[in-house]
Amino acid sequence: MLEQVTTYISNSQITDVSHINSDITIELGEIKVWISSSWRLESEGTIRIGNDNLVESLSHEDYKEDYNESVAFVKECLYNSTIIEVKYSDFQELTLTLSSGFTFRSFQAYGNDAENFQLYTTKQRYLVYPDKVELEDLGPFYKG
């Protein structure tokens, strides 16, 4: 089932990015990917920003402007990019290679009980855990 999840994400264009802090939601048209594990953006082998940077900025009122600039940077890096490669490693690391030249990487830091990410389609939700993938029917009233 993991292969089905990564196929949904592959070769998709990012149409929106929201809820950017310790977690992040990436929209691919009607598909949404909610990443609740640690994440970072890299380019040319260097970490450019990660969720820890944003959480730290949020906890200090003096850094509100830094937080807003960081959120804008993340959106700029991701928005309208096409996901050209998707990998999910044995170490529960989701790696999205983007047409913008950035790499988005999420990694499990909370143990086997927490999901790494969730993928929402029109009527289903895939919960990707370190050792399994669960599929839930969202029912006829789900509006995304």
N, C-alpha and C. Protein backbone atom coordinates (compact mmCIF):
# COMPACT_ATOMS: atom_id res chain seq x y z
N MET A 1 0.82 -1.20 0.00
CA MET A 1 0.00 0.00 0.00
C MET A 1 0.87 1.27 0.00
N LEU A 2 2.08 1.17 0.54
CA LEU A 2 2.98 2.33 0.53
C LEU A 2 3.29 2.78 -0.89
N GLU A 3 3.45 1.82 -1.80
CA GLU A 3 3.71 2.17 -3.20
C GLU A 3 2.54 2.96 -3.79
N GLN A 4 1.33 2.61 -3.45
CA GLN A 4 0.15 3.34 -3.91
C GLN A 4 0.18 4.78 -3.40
N VAL A 5 0.57 4.96 -2.14
CA VAL A 5 0.65 6.30 -1.56
C VAL A 5 1.70 7.14 -2.29
N THR A 6 2.89 6.58 -2.51
CA THR A 6 3.93 7.36 -3.19
C THR A 6 3.57 7.64 -4.64
N THR A 7 2.80 6.75 -5.27
CA THR A 7 2.35 6.98 -6.64
C THR A 7 1.40 8.18 -6.71
N TYR A 8 0.53 8.32 -5.71
CA TYR A 8 -0.36 9.48 -5.65
C TYR A 8 0.43 10.79 -5.65
N ILE A 9 1.56 10.78 -4.97
CA ILE A 9 2.35 12.00 -4.80
C ILE A 9 3.26 12.27 -6.00
N SER A 10 3.74 11.23 -6.65
CA SER A 10 4.70 11.38 -7.75
C SER A 10 4.16 12.21 -8.89
N ASN A 11 5.04 13.01 -9.47
CA ASN A 11 4.74 13.83 -10.64
C ASN A 11 3.54 14.73 -10.45
N SER A 12 3.34 15.21 -9.23
CA SER A 12 2.25 16.12 -8.92
C SER A 12 2.79 17.52 -8.71
N GLN A 13 1.99 18.50 -9.06
CA GLN A 13 2.37 19.89 -8.84
C GLN A 13 1.79 20.36 -7.51
N ILE A 14 2.59 21.06 -6.74
CA ILE A 14 2.15 21.59 -5.46
C ILE A 14 1.32 22.84 -5.73
N THR A 15 0.05 22.79 -5.33
CA THR A 15 -0.88 23.89 -5.61
C THR A 15 -1.10 24.80 -4.41
N ASP A 16 -0.73 24.34 -3.22
CA ASP A 16 -0.85 25.18 -2.03
C ASP A 16 -0.03 24.56 -0.91
N VAL A 17 0.36 25.42 0.03
CA VAL A 17 1.11 24.99 1.21
C VAL A 17 0.50 25.74 2.39
N SER A 18 0.14 25.02 3.44
CA SER A 18 -0.48 25.68 4.58
C SER A 18 -0.08 25.00 5.89
N HIS A 19 -0.54 25.58 6.98
CA HIS A 19 -0.26 25.06 8.33
C HIS A 19 1.24 24.82 8.51
N ILE A 20 2.01 25.83 8.22
CA ILE A 20 3.47 25.67 8.26
C ILE A 20 3.98 26.04 9.64
N ASN A 21 4.33 25.04 10.43
CA ASN A 21 5.02 25.21 11.70
C ASN A 21 5.63 23.86 12.06
N SER A 22 5.23 23.25 13.17
CA SER A 22 5.81 21.94 13.48
C SER A 22 5.30 20.88 12.52
N ASP A 23 4.13 21.10 11.93
CA ASP A 23 3.64 20.23 10.86
C ASP A 23 3.42 21.09 9.61
N ILE A 24 3.07 20.45 8.52
CA ILE A 24 2.90 21.18 7.27
C ILE A 24 1.90 20.42 6.39
N THR A 25 1.07 21.16 5.66
CA THR A 25 0.14 20.55 4.72
C THR A 25 0.53 20.99 3.31
N ILE A 26 0.72 20.01 2.44
CA ILE A 26 1.06 20.27 1.04
C ILE A 26 -0.11 19.77 0.20
N GLU A 27 -0.67 20.67 -0.60
CA GLU A 27 -1.79 20.31 -1.46
C GLU A 27 -1.32 20.06 -2.87
N LEU A 28 -1.82 18.98 -3.45
CA LEU A 28 -1.50 18.58 -4.81
C LEU A 28 -2.84 18.47 -5.56
N GLY A 29 -3.43 19.61 -5.87
CA GLY A 29 -4.78 19.59 -6.44
C GLY A 29 -5.75 19.12 -5.37
N GLU A 30 -6.48 18.05 -5.64
CA GLU A 30 -7.46 17.52 -4.68
C GLU A 30 -6.82 16.64 -3.61
N ILE A 31 -5.57 16.32 -3.75
CA ILE A 31 -4.87 15.49 -2.78
C ILE A 31 -4.13 16.39 -1.79
N LYS A 32 -4.20 16.02 -0.51
CA LYS A 32 -3.47 16.75 0.53
C LYS A 32 -2.55 15.78 1.24
N VAL A 33 -1.36 16.27 1.56
CA VAL A 33 -0.41 15.50 2.35
C VAL A 33 -0.13 16.30 3.61
N TRP A 34 -0.52 15.73 4.75
CA TRP A 34 -0.27 16.37 6.03
C TRP A 34 0.89 15.65 6.69
N ILE A 35 1.96 16.39 6.93
CA ILE A 35 3.18 15.82 7.48
C ILE A 35 3.30 16.29 8.93
N SER A 36 3.22 15.32 9.83
CA SER A 36 3.22 15.64 11.25
C SER A 36 4.55 15.32 11.91
N SER A 37 5.45 14.71 11.17
CA SER A 37 6.77 14.41 11.72
C SER A 37 7.71 15.58 11.43
N SER A 38 8.92 15.51 11.93
CA SER A 38 9.90 16.57 11.68
C SER A 38 10.18 16.68 10.19
N TRP A 39 10.45 17.88 9.72
CA TRP A 39 10.71 18.09 8.29
C TRP A 39 11.75 19.20 8.10
N ARG A 40 12.30 19.20 6.90
CA ARG A 40 13.25 20.27 6.54
C ARG A 40 13.29 20.42 5.03
N LEU A 41 13.73 21.58 4.58
CA LEU A 41 13.97 21.87 3.17
C LEU A 41 15.47 21.99 2.95
N GLU A 42 15.95 21.32 1.91
CA GLU A 42 17.37 21.33 1.60
C GLU A 42 17.58 21.76 0.15
N SER A 43 18.71 22.34 -0.11
CA SER A 43 19.15 22.57 -1.49
C SER A 43 20.67 22.48 -1.52
N GLU A 44 21.16 21.89 -2.59
CA GLU A 44 22.60 21.72 -2.78
C GLU A 44 23.27 21.09 -1.56
N GLY A 45 22.58 20.13 -0.93
CA GLY A 45 23.14 19.41 0.20
C GLY A 45 23.15 20.17 1.51
N THR A 46 22.51 21.34 1.56
CA THR A 46 22.49 22.17 2.76
C THR A 46 21.06 22.32 3.27
N ILE A 47 20.88 22.21 4.57
CA ILE A 47 19.57 22.45 5.16
C ILE A 47 19.30 23.95 5.12
N ARG A 48 18.20 24.34 4.49
CA ARG A 48 17.84 25.76 4.38
C ARG A 48 16.90 26.20 5.50
N ILE A 49 15.98 25.31 5.88
CA ILE A 49 15.05 25.60 6.97
C ILE A 49 14.39 24.30 7.40
N GLY A 50 14.01 24.24 8.64
CA GLY A 50 13.31 23.06 9.16
C GLY A 50 12.22 23.48 10.12
N ASN A 51 11.39 22.54 10.48
CA ASN A 51 10.28 22.88 11.37
C ASN A 51 10.76 23.37 12.73
N ASP A 52 11.91 22.92 13.19
CA ASP A 52 12.43 23.40 14.47
C ASP A 52 12.69 24.91 14.44
N ASN A 53 13.15 25.43 13.30
CA ASN A 53 13.37 26.86 13.17
C ASN A 53 12.06 27.64 13.37
N LEU A 54 10.99 27.13 12.80
CA LEU A 54 9.70 27.80 12.90
C LEU A 54 9.12 27.72 14.30
N VAL A 55 9.22 26.56 14.92
CA VAL A 55 8.70 26.39 16.28
C VAL A 55 9.45 27.32 17.24
N GLU A 56 10.75 27.41 17.07
CA GLU A 56 11.55 28.31 17.91
C GLU A 56 11.11 29.76 17.72
N SER A 57 10.88 30.19 16.48
CA SER A 57 10.43 31.55 16.20
C SER A 57 9.07 31.83 16.80
N LEU A 58 8.19 30.85 16.76
CA LEU A 58 6.84 31.02 17.30
C LEU A 58 6.83 31.20 18.81
N SER A 59 7.79 30.64 19.49
CA SER A 59 7.79 30.69 20.95
C SER A 59 8.30 32.01 21.51
N HIS A 60 8.80 32.90 20.65
CA HIS A 60 9.31 34.20 21.09
C HIS A 60 8.61 35.32 20.33
N GLU A 61 7.94 36.17 21.04
CA GLU A 61 7.21 37.28 20.40
C GLU A 61 8.14 38.17 19.58
N ASP A 62 9.39 38.30 20.02
CA ASP A 62 10.35 39.16 19.32
C ASP A 62 10.70 38.63 17.93
N TYR A 63 10.43 37.35 17.67
CA TYR A 63 10.81 36.74 16.40
C TYR A 63 9.63 36.55 15.45
N LYS A 64 8.52 37.24 15.71
CA LYS A 64 7.31 37.10 14.88
C LYS A 64 7.62 37.43 13.42
N GLU A 65 8.40 38.48 13.18
CA GLU A 65 8.75 38.85 11.80
C GLU A 65 9.60 37.76 11.14
N ASP A 66 10.54 37.19 11.91
CA ASP A 66 11.35 36.09 11.39
C ASP A 66 10.48 34.90 11.02
N TYR A 67 9.49 34.61 11.86
CA TYR A 67 8.57 33.51 11.58
C TYR A 67 7.82 33.76 10.27
N ASN A 68 7.27 34.96 10.12
CA ASN A 68 6.53 35.29 8.89
C ASN A 68 7.41 35.19 7.65
N GLU A 69 8.65 35.65 7.75
CA GLU A 69 9.58 35.55 6.63
C GLU A 69 9.92 34.09 6.32
N SER A 70 10.07 33.28 7.35
CA SER A 70 10.38 31.87 7.17
C SER A 70 9.22 31.13 6.49
N VAL A 71 8.00 31.42 6.91
CA VAL A 71 6.81 30.81 6.29
C VAL A 71 6.74 31.21 4.82
N ALA A 72 6.98 32.48 4.54
CA ALA A 72 6.97 32.95 3.14
C ALA A 72 8.05 32.23 2.33
N PHE A 73 9.22 32.01 2.91
CA PHE A 73 10.30 31.31 2.23
C PHE A 73 9.90 29.87 1.90
N VAL A 74 9.31 29.18 2.87
CA VAL A 74 8.88 27.79 2.65
C VAL A 74 7.86 27.73 1.52
N LYS A 75 6.87 28.63 1.57
CA LYS A 75 5.85 28.65 0.52
C LYS A 75 6.47 28.91 -0.85
N GLU A 76 7.40 29.85 -0.91
CA GLU A 76 8.07 30.19 -2.17
C GLU A 76 8.85 28.99 -2.73
N CYS A 77 9.49 28.24 -1.86
CA CYS A 77 10.28 27.08 -2.30
C CYS A 77 9.40 25.95 -2.81
N LEU A 78 8.21 25.78 -2.22
CA LEU A 78 7.37 24.64 -2.54
C LEU A 78 6.29 24.94 -3.58
N TYR A 79 5.68 26.11 -3.50
CA TYR A 79 4.52 26.42 -4.34
C TYR A 79 4.85 26.32 -5.83
N ASN A 80 3.99 25.65 -6.56
CA ASN A 80 4.09 25.46 -8.01
C ASN A 80 5.22 24.52 -8.44
N SER A 81 5.95 23.96 -7.49
CA SER A 81 6.97 22.97 -7.84
C SER A 81 6.29 21.65 -8.19
N THR A 82 6.94 20.89 -9.02
CA THR A 82 6.47 19.55 -9.33
C THR A 82 7.35 18.56 -8.56
N ILE A 83 6.70 17.58 -7.97
CA ILE A 83 7.43 16.53 -7.26
C ILE A 83 7.94 15.55 -8.31
N ILE A 84 9.24 15.55 -8.54
CA ILE A 84 9.79 14.73 -9.62
C ILE A 84 10.27 13.36 -9.14
N GLU A 85 10.45 13.22 -7.81
CA GLU A 85 10.84 11.91 -7.29
C GLU A 85 10.35 11.79 -5.84
N VAL A 86 9.86 10.62 -5.50
CA VAL A 86 9.40 10.33 -4.14
C VAL A 86 10.13 9.09 -3.65
N LYS A 87 10.70 9.19 -2.46
CA LYS A 87 11.35 8.03 -1.84
C LYS A 87 10.86 7.93 -0.40
N TYR A 88 10.70 6.71 0.04
CA TYR A 88 10.39 6.45 1.44
C TYR A 88 11.36 5.38 1.91
N SER A 89 12.28 5.75 2.77
CA SER A 89 13.38 4.86 3.14
C SER A 89 12.99 3.88 4.24
N ASP A 90 13.86 2.90 4.44
CA ASP A 90 13.69 1.95 5.55
C ASP A 90 13.78 2.64 6.90
N PHE A 91 14.29 3.87 6.92
CA PHE A 91 14.42 4.64 8.15
C PHE A 91 13.24 5.59 8.34
N GLN A 92 12.14 5.33 7.60
CA GLN A 92 10.92 6.13 7.67
C GLN A 92 11.14 7.60 7.30
N GLU A 93 11.94 7.82 6.29
CA GLU A 93 12.24 9.15 5.81
C GLU A 93 11.55 9.34 4.46
N LEU A 94 10.65 10.30 4.40
CA LEU A 94 9.98 10.66 3.15
C LEU A 94 10.80 11.75 2.49
N THR A 95 11.21 11.51 1.24
CA THR A 95 12.01 12.49 0.52
C THR A 95 11.30 12.84 -0.78
N LEU A 96 11.03 14.14 -0.96
CA LEU A 96 10.41 14.65 -2.18
C LEU A 96 11.43 15.51 -2.90
N THR A 97 11.83 15.11 -4.09
CA THR A 97 12.73 15.91 -4.91
C THR A 97 11.85 16.80 -5.79
N LEU A 98 12.10 18.11 -5.74
CA LEU A 98 11.23 19.08 -6.38
C LEU A 98 11.88 19.72 -7.60
N SER A 99 11.05 20.11 -8.54
CA SER A 99 11.55 20.77 -9.75
C SER A 99 12.20 22.11 -9.45
N SER A 100 11.93 22.69 -8.30
CA SER A 100 12.51 23.99 -7.91
C SER A 100 13.97 23.86 -7.49
N GLY A 101 14.48 22.63 -7.41
CA GLY A 101 15.86 22.43 -6.97
C GLY A 101 15.96 22.13 -5.49
N PHE A 102 14.84 22.17 -4.78
CA PHE A 102 14.83 21.87 -3.36
C PHE A 102 14.46 20.41 -3.13
N THR A 103 14.84 19.91 -1.98
CA THR A 103 14.45 18.60 -1.52
C THR A 103 13.72 18.79 -0.21
N PHE A 104 12.51 18.23 -0.13
CA PHE A 104 11.74 18.25 1.11
C PHE A 104 11.92 16.89 1.75
N ARG A 105 12.31 16.90 3.03
CA ARG A 105 12.58 15.64 3.72
C ARG A 105 11.85 15.65 5.06
N SER A 106 11.09 14.60 5.32
CA SER A 106 10.50 14.44 6.66
C SER A 106 11.04 13.16 7.25
N PHE A 107 11.14 13.14 8.56
CA PHE A 107 11.73 11.99 9.22
C PHE A 107 11.08 11.80 10.58
N GLN A 108 10.94 10.55 10.94
CA GLN A 108 10.25 10.18 12.17
C GLN A 108 11.13 10.44 13.37
N ALA A 109 10.62 11.23 14.29
CA ALA A 109 11.37 11.52 15.50
C ALA A 109 10.59 11.14 16.76
N TYR A 110 9.41 10.55 16.57
CA TYR A 110 8.53 10.31 17.71
C TYR A 110 8.28 8.84 18.01
N GLY A 111 8.94 7.92 17.34
CA GLY A 111 8.76 6.50 17.61
C GLY A 111 7.69 5.86 16.73
N ASN A 112 7.45 4.59 16.92
CA ASN A 112 6.56 3.83 16.05
C ASN A 112 5.08 4.09 16.26
N ASP A 113 4.69 4.78 17.32
CA ASP A 113 3.28 5.01 17.59
C ASP A 113 2.70 6.18 16.80
N ALA A 114 3.53 7.07 16.33
CA ALA A 114 3.04 8.26 15.61
C ALA A 114 3.20 8.04 14.11
N GLU A 115 2.21 8.57 13.36
CA GLU A 115 2.33 8.46 11.91
C GLU A 115 3.34 9.47 11.39
N ASN A 116 3.96 9.13 10.27
CA ASN A 116 4.91 10.04 9.64
C ASN A 116 4.19 11.09 8.82
N PHE A 117 3.17 10.63 8.09
CA PHE A 117 2.35 11.57 7.34
C PHE A 117 1.02 10.93 7.00
N GLN A 118 0.09 11.79 6.57
CA GLN A 118 -1.21 11.32 6.13
C GLN A 118 -1.46 11.86 4.73
N LEU A 119 -2.05 11.03 3.90
CA LEU A 119 -2.40 11.44 2.55
C LEU A 119 -3.92 11.37 2.42
N TYR A 120 -4.52 12.49 2.04
CA TYR A 120 -5.97 12.57 1.88
C TYR A 120 -6.31 12.62 0.40
N THR A 121 -7.14 11.69 -0.04
CA THR A 121 -7.70 11.76 -1.38
C THR A 121 -9.13 12.26 -1.22
N THR A 122 -9.93 12.18 -2.25
CA THR A 122 -11.28 12.71 -2.18
C THR A 122 -12.10 12.07 -1.07
N LYS A 123 -11.99 10.78 -0.89
CA LYS A 123 -12.83 10.10 0.10
C LYS A 123 -12.07 9.15 1.02
N GLN A 124 -10.73 9.15 0.94
CA GLN A 124 -9.95 8.22 1.75
C GLN A 124 -8.77 8.94 2.40
N ARG A 125 -8.30 8.34 3.47
CA ARG A 125 -7.11 8.84 4.15
C ARG A 125 -6.17 7.67 4.38
N TYR A 126 -4.92 7.87 3.98
CA TYR A 126 -3.87 6.89 4.24
C TYR A 126 -3.02 7.44 5.39
N LEU A 127 -2.86 6.64 6.43
CA LEU A 127 -1.99 7.00 7.55
C LEU A 127 -0.73 6.16 7.42
N VAL A 128 0.40 6.83 7.25
CA VAL A 128 1.66 6.12 7.05
C VAL A 128 2.45 6.15 8.35
N TYR A 129 2.57 4.99 8.95
CA TYR A 129 3.32 4.79 10.18
C TYR A 129 4.68 4.20 9.82
N PRO A 130 5.61 4.18 10.77
CA PRO A 130 6.92 3.59 10.47
C PRO A 130 6.86 2.15 9.98
N ASP A 131 5.89 1.37 10.48
CA ASP A 131 5.88 -0.05 10.13
C ASP A 131 4.61 -0.51 9.41
N LYS A 132 3.72 0.41 9.04
CA LYS A 132 2.49 0.02 8.36
C LYS A 132 1.81 1.23 7.72
N VAL A 133 0.85 0.94 6.85
CA VAL A 133 0.00 1.96 6.24
C VAL A 133 -1.44 1.55 6.50
N GLU A 134 -2.23 2.47 7.05
CA GLU A 134 -3.64 2.20 7.29
C GLU A 134 -4.48 3.03 6.33
N LEU A 135 -5.58 2.46 5.87
CA LEU A 135 -6.50 3.14 4.97
C LEU A 135 -7.82 3.32 5.68
N GLU A 136 -8.35 4.55 5.66
CA GLU A 136 -9.64 4.85 6.26
C GLU A 136 -10.57 5.44 5.21
N ASP A 137 -11.81 5.03 5.23
CA ASP A 137 -12.84 5.64 4.39
C ASP A 137 -13.33 6.87 5.14
N LEU A 138 -13.36 8.03 4.46
CA LEU A 138 -13.76 9.27 5.13
C LEU A 138 -15.26 9.52 5.07
N GLY A 139 -15.99 8.68 4.36
CA GLY A 139 -17.44 8.79 4.35
C GLY A 139 -17.95 9.78 3.32
N PRO A 140 -19.24 9.75 3.08
CA PRO A 140 -19.83 10.56 2.02
C PRO A 140 -19.89 12.05 2.32
N PHE A 141 -19.67 12.45 3.56
CA PHE A 141 -19.83 13.85 3.91
C PHE A 141 -18.51 14.61 4.03
N TYR A 142 -17.41 13.90 3.80
CA TYR A 142 -16.10 14.54 3.87
C TYR A 142 -15.94 15.55 2.75
N LYS A 143 -15.51 16.76 3.10
CA LYS A 143 -15.36 17.84 2.12
C LYS A 143 -13.90 18.25 1.92
N GLY A 144 -12.98 17.58 2.58
CA GLY A 144 -11.56 17.90 2.42
C GLY A 144 -11.18 19.09 3.20
